[in-house]
Structure formats: C-alpha cells, structure tokens
C-alpha atoms as a PDB file:
ATOM      1  CA  MET A   1       6.446 -16.277   2.248  1.00  0.00           C
ATOM      2  CA  LYS A   2       5.501 -13.425   4.681  1.00  0.00           C
ATOM      3  CA  LYS A   3       2.398 -11.950   5.288  1.00  0.00           C
ATOM      4  CA  VAL A   4       1.912  -8.538   4.289  1.00  0.00           C
ATOM      5  CA  THR A   5      -0.701  -5.978   5.253  1.00  0.00           C
ATOM      6  CA  VAL A   6      -1.313  -3.120   2.750  1.00  0.00           C
ATOM      7  CA  GLU A   7      -3.365  -0.079   3.806  1.00  0.00           C
ATOM      8  CA  ILE A   8      -4.584   2.201   1.125  1.00  0.00           C
ATOM      9  CA  CYS A   9      -5.581   5.873   2.408  1.00  0.00           C
ATOM     10  CA  CYS A  10      -8.927   6.682   0.642  1.00  0.00           C
ATOM     11  CA  GLY A  11      -8.969  10.020   2.324  1.00  0.00           C
ATOM     12  CA  THR A  12     -10.080  12.915  -0.290  1.00  0.00           C
ATOM     13  CA  ALA A  13      -6.597  13.776  -1.281  1.00  0.00           C
ATOM     14  CA  CYS A  14      -5.368  10.444  -1.345  1.00  0.00           C
ATOM     15  CA  TYR A  15      -8.092   8.918  -3.511  1.00  0.00           C
ATOM     16  CA  LEU A  16      -8.213  12.138  -6.094  1.00  0.00           C
ATOM     17  CA  LEU A  17      -4.383  11.597  -6.362  1.00  0.00           C
ATOM     18  CA  GLY A  18      -4.231   7.825  -7.146  1.00  0.00           C
ATOM     19  CA  SER A  19      -5.773   5.530  -4.535  1.00  0.00           C
ATOM     20  CA  ALA A  20      -8.664   4.964  -6.348  1.00  0.00           C
ATOM     21  CA  LYS A  21      -6.789   3.031  -8.825  1.00  0.00           C
ATOM     22  CA  LEU A  22      -4.745   1.371  -6.096  1.00  0.00           C
ATOM     23  CA  LEU A  23      -7.804  -0.368  -4.929  1.00  0.00           C
ATOM     24  CA  THR A  24      -7.772  -2.671  -7.460  1.00  0.00           C
ATOM     25  CA  LEU A  25      -4.499  -4.039  -6.243  1.00  0.00           C
ATOM     26  CA  GLU A  26      -5.631  -7.216  -5.453  1.00  0.00           C
ATOM     27  CA  GLU A  27      -6.563  -8.199  -9.143  1.00  0.00           C
ATOM     28  CA  GLN A  28      -3.170  -7.423  -9.933  1.00  0.00           C
ATOM     29  CA  LEU A  29      -1.492  -9.511  -7.515  1.00  0.00           C
ATOM     30  CA  PRO A  30       0.386 -12.515  -8.561  1.00  0.00           C
ATOM     31  CA  GLU A  31      -1.779 -15.631  -7.851  1.00  0.00           C
ATOM     32  CA  GLU A  32       0.956 -17.102  -5.560  1.00  0.00           C
ATOM     33  CA  TRP A  33       0.922 -13.930  -3.525  1.00  0.00           C
ATOM     34  CA  LYS A  34      -2.823 -13.421  -2.799  1.00  0.00           C
ATOM     35  CA  GLU A  35      -3.048 -15.752   0.484  1.00  0.00           C
ATOM     36  CA  PHE A  36      -0.351 -13.864   1.770  1.00  0.00           C
ATOM     37  CA  VAL A  37      -1.433 -10.170   1.159  1.00  0.00           C
ATOM     38  CA  GLN A  38      -3.994  -8.831   3.033  1.00  0.00           C
ATOM     39  CA  ILE A  39      -5.361  -5.510   1.429  1.00  0.00           C
ATOM     40  CA  LYS A  40      -7.650  -2.571   3.303  1.00  0.00           C
ATOM     41  CA  ALA A  41      -9.016   0.403   2.305  1.00  0.00           C
ATOM     42  CA  LEU A  42      -9.083   2.984   5.176  1.00  0.00           C
ATOM     43  CA  PRO A  43     -11.095   6.357   5.547  1.00  0.00           C
ATOM     44  CA  CYS A  44      -7.980   8.351   5.954  1.00  0.00           C
ATOM     45  CA  LEU A  45      -4.345   7.406   7.589  1.00  0.00           C
ATOM     46  CA  ASN A  46      -4.139  11.257   8.480  1.00  0.00           C
ATOM     47  CA  LEU A  47      -0.548  11.637   6.756  1.00  0.00           C
ATOM     48  CA  CYS A  48      -1.123  14.653   4.311  1.00  0.00           C
ATOM     49  CA  GLU A  49      -0.453  16.925   7.632  1.00  0.00           C
ATOM     50  CA  SER A  50       3.229  15.702   7.571  1.00  0.00           C
ATOM     51  CA  ALA A  51       5.171  17.323   4.518  1.00  0.00           C
ATOM     52  CA  LYS A  52       8.184  15.044   5.871  1.00  0.00           C
ATOM     53  CA  LEU A  53       6.272  11.868   5.129  1.00  0.00           C
ATOM     54  CA  GLY A  54       5.993  13.159   1.195  1.00  0.00           C
ATOM     55  CA  ALA A  55       2.815  13.609  -1.135  1.00  0.00           C
ATOM     56  CA  ALA A  56      -0.413  11.798  -1.590  1.00  0.00           C
ATOM     57  CA  PRO A  57      -1.692   9.001  -2.384  1.00  0.00           C
ATOM     58  CA  PHE A  58      -0.302   7.222   0.789  1.00  0.00           C
ATOM     59  CA  VAL A  59      -0.209   3.334   1.336  1.00  0.00           C
ATOM     60  CA  ARG A  60       0.431   1.539   4.922  1.00  0.00           C
ATOM     61  CA  LEU A  61       2.654  -1.624   4.990  1.00  0.00           C
ATOM     62  CA  ASN A  62       2.536  -3.874   7.616  1.00  0.00           C
ATOM     63  CA  GLN A  63       1.335  -1.035   9.883  1.00  0.00           C
ATOM     64  CA  THR A  64       4.850   0.774  10.095  1.00  0.00           C
ATOM     65  CA  GLU A  65       6.050   1.493   6.819  1.00  0.00           C
ATOM     66  CA  ILE A  66       4.455   4.590   5.082  1.00  0.00           C
ATOM     67  CA  MET A  67       4.967   4.753   1.040  1.00  0.00           C
ATOM     68  CA  PRO A  68       4.443   8.089  -0.344  1.00  0.00           C
ATOM     69  CA  GLU A  69       3.315   9.051  -3.651  1.00  0.00           C
ATOM     70  CA  ALA A  70       2.110   5.054  -4.021  1.00  0.00           C
ATOM     71  CA  THR A  71       1.551   3.830  -7.536  1.00  0.00           C
ATOM     72  CA  MET A  72       0.531   0.289  -8.548  1.00  0.00           C
ATOM     73  CA  GLU A  73       4.085  -0.206  -9.501  1.00  0.00           C
ATOM     74  CA  LYS A  74       5.776   1.011  -6.582  1.00  0.00           C
ATOM     75  CA  VAL A  75       3.303  -0.992  -4.230  1.00  0.00           C
ATOM     76  CA  LEU A  76       3.489  -4.230  -6.415  1.00  0.00           C
ATOM     77  CA  ALA A  77       7.504  -4.280  -6.083  1.00  0.00           C
ATOM     78  CA  ARG A  78       7.746  -3.323  -2.289  1.00  0.00           C
ATOM     79  CA  ILE A  79       4.874  -6.099  -1.812  1.00  0.00           C
ATOM     80  CA  GLY A  80       7.142  -8.765  -3.712  1.00  0.00           C
ATOM     81  CA  LYS A  81      10.084  -7.710  -1.737  1.00  0.00           C
ATOM     82  CA  LEU A  82       8.224  -8.261   1.422  1.00  0.00           C
ATOM     83  CA  VAL A  83       6.414 -11.473   0.270  1.00  0.00           C
ATOM     84  CA  ASN A  84       9.584 -13.075  -0.551  1.00  0.00           C
ATOM     85  CA  ARG A  85      11.823 -12.086   2.222  1.00  0.00           C
ATOM     86  CA  ASP A  86      13.275 -14.952   4.234  1.00  0.00           C
ATOM     87  CA  ASP A  87      14.484 -13.103   7.517  1.00  0.00           C
ATOM     88  CA  ASP A  88      12.920 -12.612  10.663  1.00  0.00           C
END
C-alpha cells in the first residue's frame, strides 16, 4: 500500500464551505488505511484566488493533486485509489 498525505485547507472560505467536516476524516478511514494516511490541517492553501481550480473547500493530496469542492465521500474514494495503487 502507498502512503498518502492529505492536506485540508482551513482558510475561512474552505472552513465555512465544508472543510470543518473534513477535519473528522481520520475517524472515517477504514482501519487498514490508517497507517498509510497522514492528514494535515493547514491555515490556507491559497487556492481560492484561482478560479480555474474550482471552488472551496480544497484538499491537496500528496503535495500535488488539488481536489476542489471536496466532500468526505470524494476524499475517501480518492484516498482508496491512492492507497491501493500498485504502480510506481
């Protein structure tokens, strides 16, 4: 299984539009994923300024992949794909 870093933007817009709920992500992870997922809450990812990236709340995965309009379901689904990936 691959390690996955999840960075949750907690800037004002993201927090009000759903990242507050995403801060409980660790509680939602299946037990077998927990050792492979690192979750960080960041003050702001400064992504709201770029309209081409989508809308808040934002989550960044593995320092490169930006997920706009992040929901618990979307983030868990993407983590599952990244954790179980056999390539690389």
